[in-house]
Amino acid sequence: MWKLNPRALKYLSEVSRFGSLRKVAAHLNIDVSAISRQLAQLEEELAATVILRSGQGVVLTQIGEELVALYRQQKASEAAALSRIAALQSLKKGRVSLAVGEGFIADLISAPLQAFMTRYPGIQISVEMAGANEATRLIKEDKVDLAVVYAPSPDAELYSHVITRQPLELIAPPQHALTRQLPLSIQQIAEYPLALIDQQFGMGQLVSLVEELEHIRFEPQLRTNSVAVLKNFVLSGMGVAFMPRLTVQSEIEQGEIISLPVPHPLLTGASAHIVSHKGRELTVSSEALIAHLHDGMLFFN
């Protein structure tokens, strides 16, 4: 039975990430020869090739990819076991890293995260703002434990712990002409000034899919990678934008924005997710945070 060298597996995992032995060496502050030697010994023990060199860098073979998946799973399981051993009693210690779409920030910070940190003061939380594509990448590379994402693309490597339907609606100034033209059609919306968010976000990807399905092309006056910019575009009366209702809930309650349903199946079927890397064992702290966000965030409650 093989006994795999953890150091060699670590180097192989880093090669998968950087695509170059020299970049890995610089990142880890070691000699390239040390990495090359460890990988050569690994290949000798397995009697199999784990990396392939080319003029464009280094790529892993299928066997190499399997070893990296094993290594990352082992590291995740080790972290989960250590977390349970050290922190199972009353969740006194722990760390959770979270990637969150900008549209969820107000809902997350307003009460749920504060309540969680008050209840579990020994758990350290890190929050990184990221669009759906970036959050998915961070999850799949095990850079974060959890991600809160809107309308993520189907991915076999993601596991959704919580899913709630949150339609993508049209937000508009209260007196906008479209408020008098219900029910709305995609073609009607295209006739008015519009702001769209980039396709790195779930909202942007949904709108792009609608364009393809309806054979229409929006000509937005504004494109942005910021939910705040979209919101202020509408608040200023410049035009309309696609957003989930809960993202602008406070503005709706104050009468500054109105949310209009768009009866298109892609938009009405959109959903919010709390996801992790499928197959990765979560720590007790991560599981506790999932339950807390499920109960405390308006998007999931």
Protein backbone atom coordinates (compact mmCIF):
# COMPACT_ATOMS: atom_id res chain seq x y z
CA MET A 1 0.00 0.00 0.00
CA TRP A 2 1.37 3.44 -0.94
CA LYS A 3 2.29 5.95 1.73
CA LEU A 4 2.01 9.30 0.03
CA ASN A 5 4.44 12.02 1.03
CA PRO A 6 2.38 14.99 2.39
CA ARG A 7 5.06 17.46 1.31
CA ALA A 8 5.04 16.17 -2.25
CA LEU A 9 1.24 16.39 -2.30
CA LYS A 10 1.39 19.97 -1.01
CA TYR A 11 3.82 20.92 -3.78
CA LEU A 12 1.62 19.21 -6.35
CA SER A 13 -1.40 21.15 -5.09
CA GLU A 14 0.50 24.42 -5.42
CA VAL A 15 1.62 23.48 -8.94
CA SER A 16 -2.05 22.94 -9.81
CA ARG A 17 -2.75 26.43 -8.52
CA PHE A 18 0.16 28.33 -10.10
CA GLY A 19 0.90 26.24 -13.22
CA SER A 20 4.66 26.72 -12.80
CA LEU A 21 7.36 25.21 -10.60
CA ARG A 22 9.18 28.55 -10.45
CA LYS A 23 6.06 30.39 -9.29
CA VAL A 24 5.48 27.77 -6.60
CA ALA A 25 9.11 28.04 -5.49
CA ALA A 26 8.81 31.82 -5.24
CA HIS A 27 5.53 31.55 -3.34
CA LEU A 28 6.91 29.02 -0.84
CA ASN A 29 10.39 30.59 -0.75
CA ILE A 30 12.20 27.34 -1.59
CA ASP A 31 14.39 26.10 -4.44
CA VAL A 32 12.79 24.83 -7.63
CA SER A 33 15.05 21.76 -7.35
CA ALA A 34 13.45 20.81 -4.01
CA ILE A 35 9.99 20.82 -5.58
CA SER A 36 11.15 18.96 -8.66
CA ARG A 37 12.89 16.33 -6.51
CA GLN A 38 9.80 15.71 -4.37
CA LEU A 39 7.56 15.34 -7.41
CA ALA A 40 10.05 12.99 -9.09
CA GLN A 41 10.10 10.78 -5.98
CA LEU A 42 6.30 10.79 -5.93
CA GLU A 43 6.18 9.67 -9.56
CA GLU A 44 8.76 6.97 -8.84
CA GLU A 45 6.77 5.62 -5.88
CA LEU A 46 3.56 5.53 -7.91
CA ALA A 47 5.21 4.43 -11.16
CA ALA A 48 3.05 7.07 -12.81
CA THR A 49 3.38 10.58 -14.25
CA VAL A 50 1.72 13.34 -12.22
CA ILE A 51 2.81 16.45 -14.16
CA LEU A 52 3.52 17.31 -17.76
CA ARG A 53 5.90 20.11 -18.74
CA SER A 54 5.38 22.28 -21.81
CA GLY A 55 6.53 25.61 -23.13
CA GLN A 56 3.48 27.20 -21.52
CA GLY A 57 4.10 25.83 -18.04
CA VAL A 58 3.17 22.73 -16.09
CA VAL A 59 -0.14 20.87 -16.13
CA LEU A 60 -1.29 17.95 -14.02
CA THR A 61 -2.11 14.57 -15.45
CA GLN A 62 -5.38 12.91 -14.48
CA ILE A 63 -3.48 11.03 -11.77
CA GLY A 64 -2.02 14.31 -10.56
CA GLU A 65 -5.50 15.85 -10.37
CA GLU A 66 -6.71 12.87 -8.32
CA LEU A 67 -3.82 13.30 -5.89
CA VAL A 68 -4.55 17.03 -5.50
CA ALA A 69 -8.21 16.31 -4.81
CA LEU A 70 -7.17 13.72 -2.21
CA TYR A 71 -4.72 16.14 -0.58
CA ARG A 72 -7.27 18.95 -0.35
CA GLN A 73 -9.89 16.63 1.03
CA GLN A 74 -7.45 15.35 3.63
CA LYS A 75 -6.54 18.91 4.65
CA ALA A 76 -10.20 19.85 4.95
CA SER A 77 -10.97 16.73 6.99
CA GLU A 78 -7.98 17.42 9.23
CA ALA A 79 -9.15 20.99 9.82
CA ALA A 80 -12.66 19.77 10.57
CA ALA A 81 -11.42 17.14 13.02
CA LEU A 82 -9.14 19.59 14.80
CA SER A 83 -11.98 22.08 14.97
CA ARG A 84 -14.24 19.53 16.62
CA ILE A 85 -11.55 18.45 19.06
CA ALA A 86 -10.64 22.03 20.03
CA ALA A 87 -13.97 23.79 19.82
CA LEU A 88 -16.90 21.40 20.14
CA GLN A 89 -17.55 22.54 23.70
CA SER A 90 -19.79 25.59 23.26
CA LEU A 91 -17.98 26.65 20.07
CA LYS A 92 -15.37 28.57 22.06
CA LYS A 93 -12.87 28.78 19.21
CA GLY A 94 -12.84 28.63 15.46
CA ARG A 95 -12.48 30.42 12.15
CA VAL A 96 -14.87 30.78 9.24
CA SER A 97 -14.09 32.47 5.92
CA LEU A 98 -17.00 33.70 3.85
CA ALA A 99 -17.32 35.09 0.32
CA VAL A 100 -20.40 37.27 -0.12
CA GLY A 101 -21.97 39.02 -3.07
CA GLU A 102 -22.29 42.79 -2.61
CA GLY A 103 -26.08 42.63 -2.72
CA PHE A 104 -26.13 40.49 0.42
CA ILE A 105 -23.87 42.71 2.53
CA ALA A 106 -26.57 44.91 4.10
CA ASP A 107 -28.68 41.87 5.00
CA LEU A 108 -25.64 40.05 6.41
CA ILE A 109 -24.24 42.90 8.48
CA SER A 110 -27.51 44.42 9.71
CA ALA A 111 -28.15 41.79 12.37
CA PRO A 112 -27.27 38.12 11.59
CA LEU A 113 -23.47 38.44 11.64
CA GLN A 114 -23.50 40.70 14.68
CA ALA A 115 -25.75 38.27 16.55
CA PHE A 116 -23.51 35.33 15.63
CA MET A 117 -20.35 37.10 16.78
CA THR A 118 -22.03 38.10 20.04
CA ARG A 119 -23.12 34.53 20.68
CA TYR A 120 -19.76 33.02 19.68
CA PRO A 121 -17.10 35.66 20.51
CA GLY A 122 -14.26 33.14 20.13
CA ILE A 123 -15.03 32.46 16.46
CA GLN A 124 -13.14 34.66 14.01
CA ILE A 125 -15.02 35.58 10.84
CA SER A 126 -13.46 36.83 7.63
CA VAL A 127 -15.72 38.24 4.91
CA GLU A 128 -14.58 38.78 1.33
CA MET A 129 -16.85 40.54 -1.14
CA ALA A 130 -17.02 38.67 -4.44
CA GLY A 131 -19.31 38.23 -7.41
CA ALA A 132 -20.76 34.81 -8.21
CA ASN A 133 -17.86 33.76 -10.48
CA GLU A 134 -15.16 34.91 -8.07
CA ALA A 135 -16.95 33.39 -5.06
CA THR A 136 -17.26 30.07 -6.90
CA ARG A 137 -13.54 30.11 -7.69
CA LEU A 138 -12.64 30.85 -4.07
CA ILE A 139 -14.82 27.95 -2.92
CA LYS A 140 -13.40 25.48 -5.45
CA GLU A 141 -9.82 26.45 -4.56
CA ASP A 142 -10.66 26.09 -0.86
CA LYS A 143 -9.75 29.73 -0.22
CA VAL A 144 -12.99 30.27 1.69
CA ASP A 145 -15.24 27.90 3.63
CA LEU A 146 -18.62 29.24 2.51
CA ALA A 147 -20.10 31.58 -0.06
CA VAL A 148 -23.38 33.44 -0.23
CA VAL A 149 -24.20 33.79 -3.92
CA TYR A 150 -27.07 34.83 -6.13
CA ALA A 151 -28.06 32.72 -9.14
CA PRO A 152 -24.80 30.73 -9.40
CA SER A 153 -24.22 28.70 -12.55
CA PRO A 154 -24.75 24.93 -12.08
CA ASP A 155 -21.50 23.37 -10.88
CA ALA A 156 -20.92 19.78 -9.79
CA GLU A 157 -18.21 20.94 -7.36
CA LEU A 158 -20.59 23.11 -5.34
CA TYR A 159 -22.96 21.98 -2.61
CA SER A 160 -25.89 24.24 -1.74
CA HIS A 161 -26.77 24.03 1.96
CA VAL A 162 -29.57 26.59 1.69
CA ILE A 163 -31.57 27.66 -1.37
CA THR A 164 -34.39 30.20 -1.45
CA ARG A 165 -36.19 31.59 -4.46
CA GLN A 166 -35.45 35.30 -4.88
CA PRO A 167 -36.75 36.57 -8.23
CA LEU A 168 -34.69 39.07 -10.17
CA GLU A 169 -37.04 42.04 -10.51
CA LEU A 170 -36.84 45.49 -12.08
CA ILE A 171 -36.23 48.39 -9.71
CA ALA A 172 -37.36 51.83 -10.81
CA PRO A 173 -38.07 55.34 -9.50
CA PRO A 174 -41.62 55.46 -8.05
CA GLN A 175 -43.04 57.60 -10.89
CA HIS A 176 -41.30 55.78 -13.75
CA ALA A 177 -43.39 55.17 -16.89
CA LEU A 178 -42.94 51.38 -16.59
CA THR A 179 -44.88 51.39 -13.31
CA ARG A 180 -47.99 52.09 -15.42
CA GLN A 181 -47.34 49.33 -17.96
CA LEU A 182 -47.73 46.15 -15.89
CA PRO A 183 -47.29 43.29 -16.55
CA LEU A 184 -43.86 44.05 -17.96
CA SER A 185 -42.22 42.42 -20.94
CA ILE A 186 -38.51 42.25 -21.72
CA GLN A 187 -39.15 44.21 -24.90
CA GLN A 188 -40.75 47.08 -22.94
CA ILE A 189 -37.77 47.34 -20.59
CA ALA A 190 -35.36 47.62 -23.52
CA GLU A 191 -37.02 50.89 -24.57
CA TYR A 192 -35.96 52.77 -21.41
CA PRO A 193 -32.62 53.91 -19.92
CA LEU A 194 -31.10 50.92 -18.12
CA ALA A 195 -28.09 50.05 -15.98
CA LEU A 196 -26.65 46.51 -16.03
CA ILE A 197 -24.15 44.78 -13.78
CA ASP A 198 -21.19 42.81 -15.15
CA GLN A 199 -21.54 39.13 -16.02
CA GLN A 200 -19.18 38.12 -13.21
CA PHE A 201 -22.29 38.49 -11.05
CA GLY A 202 -25.25 36.13 -10.99
CA MET A 203 -27.61 39.00 -11.85
CA GLY A 204 -25.57 39.85 -14.93
CA GLN A 205 -25.47 36.24 -16.08
CA LEU A 206 -29.25 35.91 -15.76
CA VAL A 207 -29.88 39.03 -17.82
CA SER A 208 -27.46 37.77 -20.48
CA LEU A 209 -29.31 34.45 -20.65
CA VAL A 210 -32.62 36.28 -21.06
CA GLU A 211 -31.13 38.30 -23.93
CA GLU A 212 -30.08 35.09 -25.69
CA LEU A 213 -33.40 33.38 -25.11
CA GLU A 214 -35.49 36.35 -26.24
CA HIS A 215 -33.15 37.30 -29.13
CA ILE A 216 -32.85 40.81 -27.79
CA ARG A 217 -29.87 42.96 -26.89
CA PHE A 218 -30.07 45.57 -24.15
CA GLU A 219 -28.17 48.79 -24.79
CA PRO A 220 -27.49 49.97 -21.23
CA GLN A 221 -26.58 53.55 -20.51
CA LEU A 222 -24.41 52.28 -17.70
CA ARG A 223 -22.45 49.11 -17.01
CA THR A 224 -20.89 48.53 -13.60
CA ASN A 225 -19.46 45.94 -11.23
CA SER A 226 -21.11 47.59 -8.23
CA VAL A 227 -24.55 46.96 -6.75
CA ALA A 228 -24.32 50.35 -5.03
CA VAL A 229 -23.85 52.07 -8.40
CA LEU A 230 -26.92 50.27 -9.79
CA LYS A 231 -28.96 51.36 -6.80
CA ASN A 232 -27.87 54.99 -7.04
CA PHE A 233 -28.54 55.02 -10.79
CA VAL A 234 -32.18 54.29 -9.96
CA LEU A 235 -32.32 56.54 -6.88
CA SER A 236 -31.13 59.48 -8.96
CA GLY A 237 -33.98 58.92 -11.44
CA MET A 238 -31.62 58.13 -14.31
CA GLY A 239 -33.31 54.85 -15.20
CA VAL A 240 -34.05 51.27 -14.15
CA ALA A 241 -32.01 48.20 -13.21
CA PHE A 242 -32.45 44.49 -12.49
CA MET A 243 -32.06 43.56 -8.80
CA PRO A 244 -33.65 41.23 -6.23
CA ARG A 245 -36.25 43.07 -4.17
CA LEU A 246 -34.51 42.41 -0.86
CA THR A 247 -31.35 44.17 -2.04
CA VAL A 248 -33.24 47.47 -1.96
CA GLN A 249 -35.76 46.64 0.76
CA SER A 250 -35.01 49.71 2.88
CA GLU A 251 -35.31 52.04 -0.14
CA ILE A 252 -38.65 50.41 -1.04
CA GLU A 253 -39.95 50.89 2.51
CA GLN A 254 -38.92 54.55 2.39
CA GLY A 255 -40.73 55.06 -0.92
CA GLU A 256 -37.54 55.90 -2.82
CA ILE A 257 -37.62 52.88 -5.16
CA ILE A 258 -40.34 50.60 -6.47
CA SER A 259 -39.78 46.94 -7.38
CA LEU A 260 -41.59 45.59 -10.44
CA PRO A 261 -41.95 41.84 -11.13
CA VAL A 262 -40.88 40.70 -14.58
CA PRO A 263 -42.84 37.57 -15.58
CA HIS A 264 -39.98 35.73 -17.26
CA PRO A 265 -39.23 32.18 -16.03
CA LEU A 266 -35.46 32.74 -15.83
CA LEU A 267 -35.95 35.80 -13.64
CA THR A 268 -38.82 34.56 -11.47
CA GLY A 269 -36.96 31.29 -10.83
CA ALA A 270 -33.73 32.91 -9.61
CA SER A 271 -32.49 31.87 -6.17
CA ALA A 272 -30.00 32.72 -3.44
CA HIS A 273 -27.61 30.03 -2.14
CA ILE A 274 -25.23 29.31 0.71
CA VAL A 275 -22.64 26.99 -0.81
CA SER A 276 -19.48 25.10 0.07
CA HIS A 277 -17.04 22.87 -1.80
CA LYS A 278 -18.77 19.56 -2.40
CA GLY A 279 -17.04 16.74 -0.53
CA ARG A 280 -15.20 19.08 1.81
CA GLU A 281 -15.97 18.39 5.46
CA LEU A 282 -17.00 21.58 7.22
CA THR A 283 -15.86 22.70 10.64
CA VAL A 284 -18.31 23.02 13.50
CA SER A 285 -17.96 26.80 13.24
CA SER A 286 -18.93 26.76 9.55
CA GLU A 287 -21.95 24.56 10.21
CA ALA A 288 -23.05 26.86 13.01
CA LEU A 289 -22.73 29.92 10.77
CA ILE A 290 -24.80 28.27 8.02
CA ALA A 291 -27.61 27.59 10.48
CA HIS A 292 -27.39 31.13 11.83
CA LEU A 293 -27.50 32.76 8.39
CA HIS A 294 -30.38 30.51 7.38
CA ASP A 295 -32.40 31.72 10.35
CA GLY A 296 -31.21 35.34 10.44
CA MET A 297 -30.82 36.63 6.88
CA LEU A 298 -33.93 37.91 5.13
CA PHE A 299 -32.70 36.32 1.91
CA PHE A 300 -32.93 32.85 3.51
CA ASN A 301 -35.53 33.22 6.24
